[in-house]
Amino acid sequence: MLDSDPEQFDALTSQYQNADKALQTLKAQIFAVADLAERRPYFAYADSMDMLNQSSELSEQLKAKLVQAEATRARLREGLKQVQEQANQYNQVLASLKSSHQAKLETVQEFKAELQEYGIILMSQR
């Protein structure tokens, strides 16, 4: 039959070549999908490693920030202690000055009383 109809032979040859190209393309796609399926665990592992590395980097950054915050806290606590000690010293000086002032007022009152006993009257200069 092919010998008698060369046009049909050419058409069949063309169809065969097209089918062969489609088959080769399909085989290449199947190979690519199979290769990808075999490598899938590696990709998952690589993704996991990337996530682990990112998590580790984030953890390191957080640790560094924690160390920095603790250092700042210690420095501020030390500053607070110094300010409290200085305030205590100022309070002691204030108490001492008040006591001294009170003693001097009492002395002045005693002098005024003695002067009144001698008949000397002072005008208050307040």
C-alpha atoms as a PDB file:
ATOM      1  CA  MET A   1       0.000   0.000   0.000  1.00  0.00           C
ATOM      2  CA  LEU A   2       2.843   2.427   0.813  1.00  0.00           C
ATOM      3  CA  ASP A   3       4.487   1.575  -2.431  1.00  0.00           C
ATOM      4  CA  SER A   4       1.453   2.665  -4.317  1.00  0.00           C
ATOM      5  CA  ASP A   5       0.881   5.993  -2.408  1.00  0.00           C
ATOM      6  CA  PRO A   6       4.077   8.013  -1.765  1.00  0.00           C
ATOM      7  CA  GLU A   7       2.125  11.011  -0.376  1.00  0.00           C
ATOM      8  CA  GLN A   8       0.735   8.840   2.372  1.00  0.00           C
ATOM      9  CA  PHE A   9       4.259   7.583   3.091  1.00  0.00           C
ATOM     10  CA  ASP A  10       5.555  11.119   3.427  1.00  0.00           C
ATOM     11  CA  ALA A  11       2.632  12.012   5.712  1.00  0.00           C
ATOM     12  CA  LEU A  12       3.236   8.927   7.856  1.00  0.00           C
ATOM     13  CA  THR A  13       6.959   9.688   8.045  1.00  0.00           C
ATOM     14  CA  SER A  14       6.173  13.231   9.123  1.00  0.00           C
ATOM     15  CA  GLN A  15       3.696  11.978  11.727  1.00  0.00           C
ATOM     16  CA  TYR A  16       6.283   9.450  12.954  1.00  0.00           C
ATOM     17  CA  GLN A  17       8.950  12.149  13.304  1.00  0.00           C
ATOM     18  CA  ASN A  18       6.516  14.438  15.155  1.00  0.00           C
ATOM     19  CA  ALA A  19       5.475  11.599  17.448  1.00  0.00           C
ATOM     20  CA  ASP A  20       9.154  10.698  18.021  1.00  0.00           C
ATOM     21  CA  LYS A  21       9.996  14.330  18.921  1.00  0.00           C
ATOM     22  CA  ALA A  22       7.008  14.456  21.292  1.00  0.00           C
ATOM     23  CA  LEU A  23       8.142  11.149  22.817  1.00  0.00           C
ATOM     24  CA  GLN A  24      11.704  12.454  23.284  1.00  0.00           C
ATOM     25  CA  THR A  25      10.367  15.647  24.890  1.00  0.00           C
ATOM     26  CA  LEU A  26       8.114  13.604  27.152  1.00  0.00           C
ATOM     27  CA  LYS A  27      11.025  11.334  28.145  1.00  0.00           C
ATOM     28  CA  ALA A  28      13.148  14.385  28.973  1.00  0.00           C
ATOM     29  CA  GLN A  29      10.340  15.789  31.115  1.00  0.00           C
ATOM     30  CA  ILE A  30       9.859  12.444  32.888  1.00  0.00           C
ATOM     31  CA  PHE A  31      13.616  12.271  33.543  1.00  0.00           C
ATOM     32  CA  ALA A  32      13.617  15.847  34.918  1.00  0.00           C
ATOM     33  CA  VAL A  33      10.664  15.103  37.199  1.00  0.00           C
ATOM     34  CA  ALA A  34      12.233  11.846  38.409  1.00  0.00           C
ATOM     35  CA  ASP A  35      15.543  13.627  39.033  1.00  0.00           C
ATOM     36  CA  LEU A  36      13.747  16.352  40.949  1.00  0.00           C
ATOM     37  CA  ALA A  37      11.851  13.757  42.984  1.00  0.00           C
ATOM     38  CA  GLU A  38      15.135  12.051  43.887  1.00  0.00           C
ATOM     39  CA  ARG A  39      16.694  15.369  44.924  1.00  0.00           C
ATOM     40  CA  ARG A  40      13.672  16.472  46.939  1.00  0.00           C
ATOM     41  CA  PRO A  41      15.038  15.193  50.270  1.00  0.00           C
ATOM     42  CA  TYR A  42      18.269  17.104  49.612  1.00  0.00           C
ATOM     43  CA  PHE A  43      16.333  20.297  48.915  1.00  0.00           C
ATOM     44  CA  ALA A  44      14.293  19.765  52.064  1.00  0.00           C
ATOM     45  CA  TYR A  45      17.533  19.168  53.999  1.00  0.00           C
ATOM     46  CA  ALA A  46      19.131  22.268  52.468  1.00  0.00           C
ATOM     47  CA  ASP A  47      16.038  24.322  53.339  1.00  0.00           C
ATOM     48  CA  SER A  48      16.137  22.933  56.864  1.00  0.00           C
ATOM     49  CA  MET A  49      19.810  23.808  57.150  1.00  0.00           C
ATOM     50  CA  ASP A  50      19.127  27.329  55.889  1.00  0.00           C
ATOM     51  CA  MET A  51      16.337  27.712  58.429  1.00  0.00           C
ATOM     52  CA  LEU A  52      18.584  26.317  61.166  1.00  0.00           C
ATOM     53  CA  ASN A  53      21.376  28.706  60.198  1.00  0.00           C
ATOM     54  CA  GLN A  54      18.957  31.639  60.179  1.00  0.00           C
ATOM     55  CA  SER A  55      17.595  30.529  63.535  1.00  0.00           C
ATOM     56  CA  SER A  56      21.123  30.204  64.876  1.00  0.00           C
ATOM     57  CA  GLU A  57      22.019  33.678  63.591  1.00  0.00           C
ATOM     58  CA  LEU A  58      18.877  35.109  65.166  1.00  0.00           C
ATOM     59  CA  SER A  59      19.690  33.321  68.417  1.00  0.00           C
ATOM     60  CA  GLU A  60      23.204  34.771  68.370  1.00  0.00           C
ATOM     61  CA  GLN A  61      21.823  38.256  67.729  1.00  0.00           C
ATOM     62  CA  LEU A  62      19.393  37.851  70.625  1.00  0.00           C
ATOM     63  CA  LYS A  63      22.177  36.602  72.888  1.00  0.00           C
ATOM     64  CA  ALA A  64      24.292  39.627  71.964  1.00  0.00           C
ATOM     65  CA  LYS A  65      21.392  41.963  72.699  1.00  0.00           C
ATOM     66  CA  LEU A  66      20.806  40.199  76.027  1.00  0.00           C
ATOM     67  CA  VAL A  67      24.463  40.609  76.991  1.00  0.00           C
ATOM     68  CA  GLN A  68      24.291  44.267  76.000  1.00  0.00           C
ATOM     69  CA  ALA A  69      21.072  44.784  77.987  1.00  0.00           C
ATOM     70  CA  GLU A  70      22.572  43.084  81.049  1.00  0.00           C
ATOM     71  CA  ALA A  71      25.690  45.274  80.807  1.00  0.00           C
ATOM     72  CA  THR A  72      23.505  48.379  80.533  1.00  0.00           C
ATOM     73  CA  ARG A  73      21.445  47.206  83.503  1.00  0.00           C
ATOM     74  CA  ALA A  74      24.570  46.631  85.615  1.00  0.00           C
ATOM     75  CA  ARG A  75      25.952  50.042  84.641  1.00  0.00           C
ATOM     76  CA  LEU A  76      22.678  51.774  85.496  1.00  0.00           C
ATOM     77  CA  ARG A  77      22.420  49.919  88.811  1.00  0.00           C
ATOM     78  CA  GLU A  78      25.908  51.070  89.707  1.00  0.00           C
ATOM     79  CA  GLY A  79      24.931  54.628  88.777  1.00  0.00           C
ATOM     80  CA  LEU A  80      21.808  54.319  90.929  1.00  0.00           C
ATOM     81  CA  LYS A  81      23.877  53.123  93.890  1.00  0.00           C
ATOM     82  CA  GLN A  82      26.217  56.084  93.518  1.00  0.00           C
ATOM     83  CA  VAL A  83      23.319  58.526  93.326  1.00  0.00           C
ATOM     84  CA  GLN A  84      21.700  56.912  96.395  1.00  0.00           C
ATOM     85  CA  GLU A  85      24.959  57.113  98.340  1.00  0.00           C
ATOM     86  CA  GLN A  86      25.355  60.771  97.369  1.00  0.00           C
ATOM     87  CA  ALA A  87      21.740  61.474  98.400  1.00  0.00           C
ATOM     88  CA  ASN A  88      22.423  59.774 101.758  1.00  0.00           C
ATOM     89  CA  GLN A  89      25.506  61.947 102.232  1.00  0.00           C
ATOM     90  CA  TYR A  90      23.497  65.066 101.398  1.00  0.00           C
ATOM     91  CA  ASN A  91      20.798  63.995 103.849  1.00  0.00           C
ATOM     92  CA  GLN A  92      23.432  63.514 106.547  1.00  0.00           C
ATOM     93  CA  VAL A  93      24.866  66.970 105.849  1.00  0.00           C
ATOM     94  CA  LEU A  94      21.349  68.442 105.920  1.00  0.00           C
ATOM     95  CA  ALA A  95      20.606  66.738 109.246  1.00  0.00           C
ATOM     96  CA  SER A  96      23.913  67.998 110.629  1.00  0.00           C
ATOM     97  CA  LEU A  97      23.192  71.551 109.439  1.00  0.00           C
ATOM     98  CA  LYS A  98      19.681  71.457 110.910  1.00  0.00           C
ATOM     99  CA  SER A  99      21.055  70.203 114.218  1.00  0.00           C
ATOM    100  CA  SER A 100      23.727  72.901 114.218  1.00  0.00           C
ATOM    101  CA  HIS A 101      21.157  75.551 113.326  1.00  0.00           C
ATOM    102  CA  GLN A 102      18.859  74.352 116.113  1.00  0.00           C
ATOM    103  CA  ALA A 103      21.738  74.440 118.612  1.00  0.00           C
ATOM    104  CA  LYS A 104      22.638  77.973 117.545  1.00  0.00           C
ATOM    105  CA  LEU A 105      18.999  79.105 117.838  1.00  0.00           C
ATOM    106  CA  GLU A 106      18.894  77.669 121.352  1.00  0.00           C
ATOM    107  CA  THR A 107      22.123  79.485 122.200  1.00  0.00           C
ATOM    108  CA  VAL A 108      20.704  82.755 120.871  1.00  0.00           C
ATOM    109  CA  GLN A 109      17.541  82.199 122.928  1.00  0.00           C
ATOM    110  CA  GLU A 110      19.667  81.600 126.019  1.00  0.00           C
ATOM    111  CA  PHE A 111      21.631  84.805 125.358  1.00  0.00           C
ATOM    112  CA  LYS A 112      18.408  86.754 124.916  1.00  0.00           C
ATOM    113  CA  ALA A 113      17.078  85.321 128.193  1.00  0.00           C
ATOM    114  CA  GLU A 114      20.292  86.256 130.013  1.00  0.00           C
ATOM    115  CA  LEU A 115      20.208  89.765 128.545  1.00  0.00           C
ATOM    116  CA  GLN A 116      16.597  90.158 129.656  1.00  0.00           C
ATOM    117  CA  GLU A 117      17.643  89.096 133.139  1.00  0.00           C
ATOM    118  CA  TYR A 118      20.150  91.956 133.091  1.00  0.00           C
ATOM    119  CA  GLY A 119      17.422  94.301 131.873  1.00  0.00           C
ATOM    120  CA  ILE A 120      18.614  94.622 128.312  1.00  0.00           C
ATOM    121  CA  ILE A 121      15.786  94.359 125.809  1.00  0.00           C
ATOM    122  CA  LEU A 122      16.656  93.574 122.210  1.00  0.00           C
ATOM    123  CA  MET A 123      14.452  94.366 119.315  1.00  0.00           C
ATOM    124  CA  SER A 124      13.921  91.341 117.079  1.00  0.00           C
ATOM    125  CA  GLN A 125      15.284  91.805 113.633  1.00  0.00           C
ATOM    126  CA  ARG A 126      13.233  89.189 111.954  1.00  0.00           C
END
